[in-house]
N, C-alpha and C. Protein backbone atom coordinates (compact mmCIF):
# COMPACT_ATOMS: atom_id res chain seq x y z
N MET A 1 -27.50 18.12 -15.12
CA MET A 1 -28.22 17.60 -13.97
C MET A 1 -27.34 17.59 -12.72
N LEU A 2 -26.03 17.40 -12.90
CA LEU A 2 -25.13 17.38 -11.76
C LEU A 2 -25.15 18.72 -11.03
N TRP A 3 -25.26 19.82 -11.77
CA TRP A 3 -25.29 21.14 -11.13
C TRP A 3 -26.52 21.29 -10.25
N VAL A 4 -27.64 20.67 -10.63
CA VAL A 4 -28.85 20.74 -9.82
C VAL A 4 -28.61 20.04 -8.49
N LYS A 5 -27.96 18.88 -8.54
CA LYS A 5 -27.68 18.14 -7.31
C LYS A 5 -26.75 18.95 -6.41
N ARG A 6 -25.73 19.55 -7.00
CA ARG A 6 -24.80 20.35 -6.19
C ARG A 6 -25.49 21.59 -5.64
N LEU A 7 -26.34 22.22 -6.43
CA LEU A 7 -27.03 23.43 -6.00
C LEU A 7 -27.95 23.15 -4.82
N PHE A 8 -28.68 22.06 -4.86
CA PHE A 8 -29.64 21.74 -3.81
C PHE A 8 -29.10 20.79 -2.76
N GLY A 9 -27.84 20.43 -2.85
CA GLY A 9 -27.22 19.60 -1.83
C GLY A 9 -27.67 18.15 -1.83
N LEU A 10 -28.18 17.67 -2.96
CA LEU A 10 -28.59 16.27 -3.03
C LEU A 10 -27.35 15.38 -3.07
N PRO A 11 -27.40 14.22 -2.43
CA PRO A 11 -26.23 13.35 -2.45
C PRO A 11 -25.96 12.81 -3.85
N PRO A 12 -24.68 12.56 -4.15
CA PRO A 12 -24.35 12.00 -5.46
C PRO A 12 -24.87 10.57 -5.58
N ASN A 13 -25.11 10.14 -6.79
CA ASN A 13 -25.54 8.77 -7.06
C ASN A 13 -24.34 8.03 -7.66
N PRO A 14 -23.65 7.20 -6.88
CA PRO A 14 -22.46 6.53 -7.38
C PRO A 14 -22.71 5.67 -8.62
N ILE A 15 -23.89 5.10 -8.75
CA ILE A 15 -24.18 4.28 -9.93
C ILE A 15 -24.20 5.16 -11.17
N GLN A 16 -24.85 6.32 -11.07
CA GLN A 16 -24.86 7.26 -12.20
C GLN A 16 -23.46 7.75 -12.51
N LEU A 17 -22.69 8.04 -11.47
CA LEU A 17 -21.32 8.52 -11.68
C LEU A 17 -20.51 7.48 -12.44
N LYS A 18 -20.70 6.19 -12.10
CA LYS A 18 -19.99 5.13 -12.81
C LYS A 18 -20.44 5.06 -14.26
N GLN A 19 -21.74 5.14 -14.48
CA GLN A 19 -22.26 5.08 -15.85
C GLN A 19 -21.73 6.23 -16.69
N GLN A 20 -21.51 7.38 -16.07
CA GLN A 20 -20.97 8.55 -16.77
C GLN A 20 -19.44 8.52 -16.80
N HIS A 21 -18.86 7.51 -16.21
CA HIS A 21 -17.41 7.37 -16.06
C HIS A 21 -16.81 8.62 -15.42
N ASP A 22 -17.51 9.10 -14.40
CA ASP A 22 -17.08 10.29 -13.66
C ASP A 22 -16.19 9.84 -12.50
N VAL A 23 -14.96 9.47 -12.84
CA VAL A 23 -14.03 8.97 -11.82
C VAL A 23 -13.77 10.04 -10.75
N PRO A 24 -13.51 11.30 -11.11
CA PRO A 24 -13.32 12.31 -10.06
C PRO A 24 -14.54 12.44 -9.14
N GLY A 25 -15.74 12.30 -9.69
CA GLY A 25 -16.95 12.36 -8.87
C GLY A 25 -17.03 11.19 -7.90
N LEU A 26 -16.65 10.00 -8.36
CA LEU A 26 -16.65 8.82 -7.48
C LEU A 26 -15.60 8.96 -6.39
N ILE A 27 -14.44 9.47 -6.77
CA ILE A 27 -13.38 9.67 -5.78
C ILE A 27 -13.84 10.68 -4.73
N ALA A 28 -14.47 11.76 -5.18
CA ALA A 28 -14.99 12.76 -4.24
C ALA A 28 -16.04 12.15 -3.33
N ALA A 29 -16.85 11.24 -3.85
CA ALA A 29 -17.91 10.60 -3.06
C ALA A 29 -17.35 9.75 -1.93
N LEU A 30 -16.09 9.34 -2.01
CA LEU A 30 -15.47 8.60 -0.91
C LEU A 30 -15.38 9.44 0.36
N GLY A 31 -15.48 10.74 0.22
CA GLY A 31 -15.42 11.63 1.37
C GLY A 31 -16.78 12.18 1.79
N HIS A 32 -17.85 11.63 1.23
CA HIS A 32 -19.20 12.11 1.54
C HIS A 32 -19.56 11.80 2.99
N PRO A 33 -20.36 12.66 3.63
CA PRO A 33 -20.74 12.41 5.03
C PRO A 33 -21.58 11.14 5.23
N PHE A 34 -22.35 10.72 4.23
CA PHE A 34 -23.19 9.53 4.39
C PHE A 34 -22.39 8.28 4.08
N PRO A 35 -22.34 7.31 5.00
CA PRO A 35 -21.54 6.11 4.78
C PRO A 35 -22.01 5.28 3.59
N TRP A 36 -23.31 5.24 3.31
CA TRP A 36 -23.78 4.43 2.19
C TRP A 36 -23.33 5.03 0.85
N ILE A 37 -23.14 6.33 0.79
CA ILE A 37 -22.60 6.94 -0.42
C ILE A 37 -21.13 6.55 -0.58
N ARG A 38 -20.38 6.61 0.52
CA ARG A 38 -18.95 6.21 0.47
C ARG A 38 -18.82 4.74 0.09
N ARG A 39 -19.68 3.90 0.67
CA ARG A 39 -19.65 2.46 0.36
C ARG A 39 -19.94 2.21 -1.12
N ASP A 40 -21.00 2.81 -1.61
CA ASP A 40 -21.37 2.61 -3.02
C ASP A 40 -20.30 3.15 -3.96
N ALA A 41 -19.70 4.29 -3.60
CA ALA A 41 -18.62 4.85 -4.42
C ALA A 41 -17.44 3.88 -4.49
N ALA A 42 -17.10 3.29 -3.35
CA ALA A 42 -16.00 2.31 -3.33
C ALA A 42 -16.34 1.11 -4.21
N GLN A 43 -17.57 0.64 -4.13
CA GLN A 43 -17.98 -0.50 -4.96
C GLN A 43 -17.86 -0.16 -6.44
N MET A 44 -18.30 1.02 -6.82
CA MET A 44 -18.25 1.42 -8.23
C MET A 44 -16.79 1.62 -8.69
N LEU A 45 -15.94 2.16 -7.82
CA LEU A 45 -14.54 2.34 -8.18
C LEU A 45 -13.85 1.00 -8.40
N GLY A 46 -14.33 -0.04 -7.72
CA GLY A 46 -13.77 -1.37 -7.91
C GLY A 46 -13.98 -1.91 -9.32
N HIS A 47 -14.93 -1.35 -10.04
CA HIS A 47 -15.20 -1.78 -11.41
C HIS A 47 -14.38 -0.99 -12.44
N ILE A 48 -13.72 0.05 -11.99
CA ILE A 48 -12.97 0.90 -12.91
C ILE A 48 -11.51 0.49 -12.85
N LYS A 49 -11.03 -0.04 -13.93
CA LYS A 49 -9.67 -0.58 -13.96
C LYS A 49 -8.66 0.51 -14.35
N GLU A 50 -8.51 1.49 -13.48
CA GLU A 50 -7.57 2.57 -13.71
C GLU A 50 -6.71 2.74 -12.46
N SER A 51 -5.43 2.95 -12.68
CA SER A 51 -4.52 3.06 -11.55
C SER A 51 -4.81 4.27 -10.66
N ARG A 52 -5.43 5.30 -11.20
CA ARG A 52 -5.67 6.51 -10.41
C ARG A 52 -6.69 6.29 -9.28
N VAL A 53 -7.40 5.19 -9.27
CA VAL A 53 -8.37 4.96 -8.20
C VAL A 53 -7.75 4.25 -7.00
N ARG A 54 -6.55 3.70 -7.16
CA ARG A 54 -5.94 2.94 -6.06
C ARG A 54 -5.61 3.80 -4.85
N ALA A 55 -4.98 4.94 -5.07
CA ALA A 55 -4.57 5.78 -3.93
C ALA A 55 -5.77 6.27 -3.12
N PRO A 56 -6.83 6.79 -3.75
CA PRO A 56 -7.98 7.20 -2.94
C PRO A 56 -8.65 6.04 -2.21
N LEU A 57 -8.69 4.87 -2.87
CA LEU A 57 -9.27 3.71 -2.19
C LEU A 57 -8.41 3.28 -1.01
N THR A 58 -7.11 3.28 -1.20
CA THR A 58 -6.21 2.90 -0.11
C THR A 58 -6.37 3.84 1.07
N ALA A 59 -6.50 5.13 0.79
CA ALA A 59 -6.71 6.10 1.87
C ALA A 59 -8.04 5.83 2.58
N ALA A 60 -9.04 5.35 1.85
CA ALA A 60 -10.36 5.09 2.43
C ALA A 60 -10.38 3.83 3.29
N LEU A 61 -9.29 3.06 3.31
CA LEU A 61 -9.23 1.90 4.20
C LEU A 61 -9.35 2.32 5.67
N ASN A 62 -9.12 3.58 5.95
CA ASN A 62 -9.21 4.08 7.33
C ASN A 62 -10.58 4.69 7.64
N ASP A 63 -11.57 4.45 6.80
CA ASP A 63 -12.90 5.01 7.03
C ASP A 63 -13.43 4.56 8.38
N ARG A 64 -14.21 5.42 9.00
CA ARG A 64 -14.75 5.10 10.33
C ARG A 64 -15.86 4.05 10.30
N ASP A 65 -16.42 3.78 9.11
CA ASP A 65 -17.53 2.83 8.99
C ASP A 65 -17.00 1.48 8.49
N SER A 66 -17.37 0.41 9.18
CA SER A 66 -16.86 -0.91 8.82
C SER A 66 -17.36 -1.39 7.46
N GLU A 67 -18.59 -1.04 7.09
CA GLU A 67 -19.10 -1.45 5.76
C GLU A 67 -18.33 -0.75 4.64
N VAL A 68 -17.97 0.49 4.87
CA VAL A 68 -17.18 1.22 3.88
C VAL A 68 -15.81 0.58 3.76
N ARG A 69 -15.17 0.28 4.89
CA ARG A 69 -13.84 -0.35 4.85
C ARG A 69 -13.90 -1.69 4.12
N HIS A 70 -14.95 -2.45 4.36
CA HIS A 70 -15.11 -3.74 3.69
C HIS A 70 -15.26 -3.54 2.17
N ALA A 71 -16.08 -2.58 1.76
CA ALA A 71 -16.28 -2.31 0.33
C ALA A 71 -14.97 -1.83 -0.31
N VAL A 72 -14.22 -1.02 0.41
CA VAL A 72 -12.95 -0.52 -0.11
C VAL A 72 -11.98 -1.68 -0.30
N GLN A 73 -11.88 -2.57 0.70
CA GLN A 73 -10.97 -3.71 0.58
C GLN A 73 -11.37 -4.59 -0.60
N HIS A 74 -12.66 -4.81 -0.76
CA HIS A 74 -13.15 -5.62 -1.87
C HIS A 74 -12.82 -4.95 -3.21
N ALA A 75 -12.99 -3.64 -3.28
CA ALA A 75 -12.67 -2.90 -4.52
C ALA A 75 -11.18 -3.02 -4.84
N LEU A 76 -10.34 -2.89 -3.82
CA LEU A 76 -8.90 -3.03 -4.05
C LEU A 76 -8.55 -4.45 -4.50
N ASP A 77 -9.20 -5.43 -3.92
CA ASP A 77 -8.98 -6.82 -4.35
C ASP A 77 -9.36 -7.00 -5.81
N LYS A 78 -10.47 -6.38 -6.23
CA LYS A 78 -10.91 -6.48 -7.62
C LYS A 78 -9.92 -5.81 -8.57
N LEU A 79 -9.26 -4.78 -8.09
CA LEU A 79 -8.30 -4.06 -8.92
C LEU A 79 -6.95 -4.78 -8.98
N ASN A 80 -6.83 -5.90 -8.27
CA ASN A 80 -5.55 -6.60 -8.17
C ASN A 80 -4.45 -5.69 -7.67
N ALA A 81 -4.82 -4.84 -6.72
CA ALA A 81 -3.85 -3.93 -6.13
C ALA A 81 -2.83 -4.74 -5.35
N PRO A 82 -1.64 -4.18 -5.20
CA PRO A 82 -0.68 -4.86 -4.33
C PRO A 82 -1.30 -5.07 -2.95
N ALA A 83 -0.83 -6.04 -2.26
CA ALA A 83 -1.42 -6.39 -0.97
C ALA A 83 -1.60 -5.16 -0.11
N ALA A 84 -2.84 -4.87 0.21
CA ALA A 84 -3.16 -3.75 1.08
C ALA A 84 -3.03 -4.22 2.52
N PRO A 85 -2.71 -3.32 3.43
CA PRO A 85 -2.61 -3.72 4.82
C PRO A 85 -3.95 -4.27 5.32
N HIS A 86 -3.88 -5.29 6.14
CA HIS A 86 -5.10 -5.89 6.68
C HIS A 86 -5.80 -4.90 7.59
N VAL A 87 -7.10 -4.80 7.44
CA VAL A 87 -7.90 -3.88 8.24
C VAL A 87 -8.98 -4.68 8.94
N ASN A 88 -9.20 -4.41 10.21
CA ASN A 88 -10.28 -5.05 10.94
C ASN A 88 -11.58 -4.41 10.50
N VAL A 89 -12.39 -5.15 9.70
CA VAL A 89 -13.65 -4.60 9.22
C VAL A 89 -14.82 -5.04 10.09
N GLY A 90 -14.54 -5.76 11.16
CA GLY A 90 -15.60 -6.27 12.00
C GLY A 90 -16.17 -5.27 12.98
N GLY A 91 -15.53 -4.16 13.18
CA GLY A 91 -16.04 -3.17 14.12
C GLY A 91 -14.92 -2.52 14.89
N ALA A 92 -15.30 -1.75 15.86
CA ALA A 92 -14.33 -0.95 16.60
C ALA A 92 -13.44 -1.76 17.48
C-alpha cells in the first residue's frame, strides 16, 4: 500500500507509520511540505523509545512552523533527551 501512496503522491499517514514501526518513514515525514504531517510525525516519534530518533527530532527544532517545533520539543521531552536548546515556539 505504501507504493500506491508514493506513486500517486499521497501524503504519508504518521499514525500508520507508527503502527507499522516504520521509523525511517516517520523520520522522512519530518521533512514533508505539509506542516501537519511534520507535526504528527514528531508526535509519533515521541512514542518510539529509540536513540536513532533523537538526531532527526533535534534537527526539526528549527522547523519554520511553531506547532511543529512545539511537537518536536514535546517528543524530545518524552524521550528524556538531554536538555535541548530552548526554542521560541510562540511565533516569529
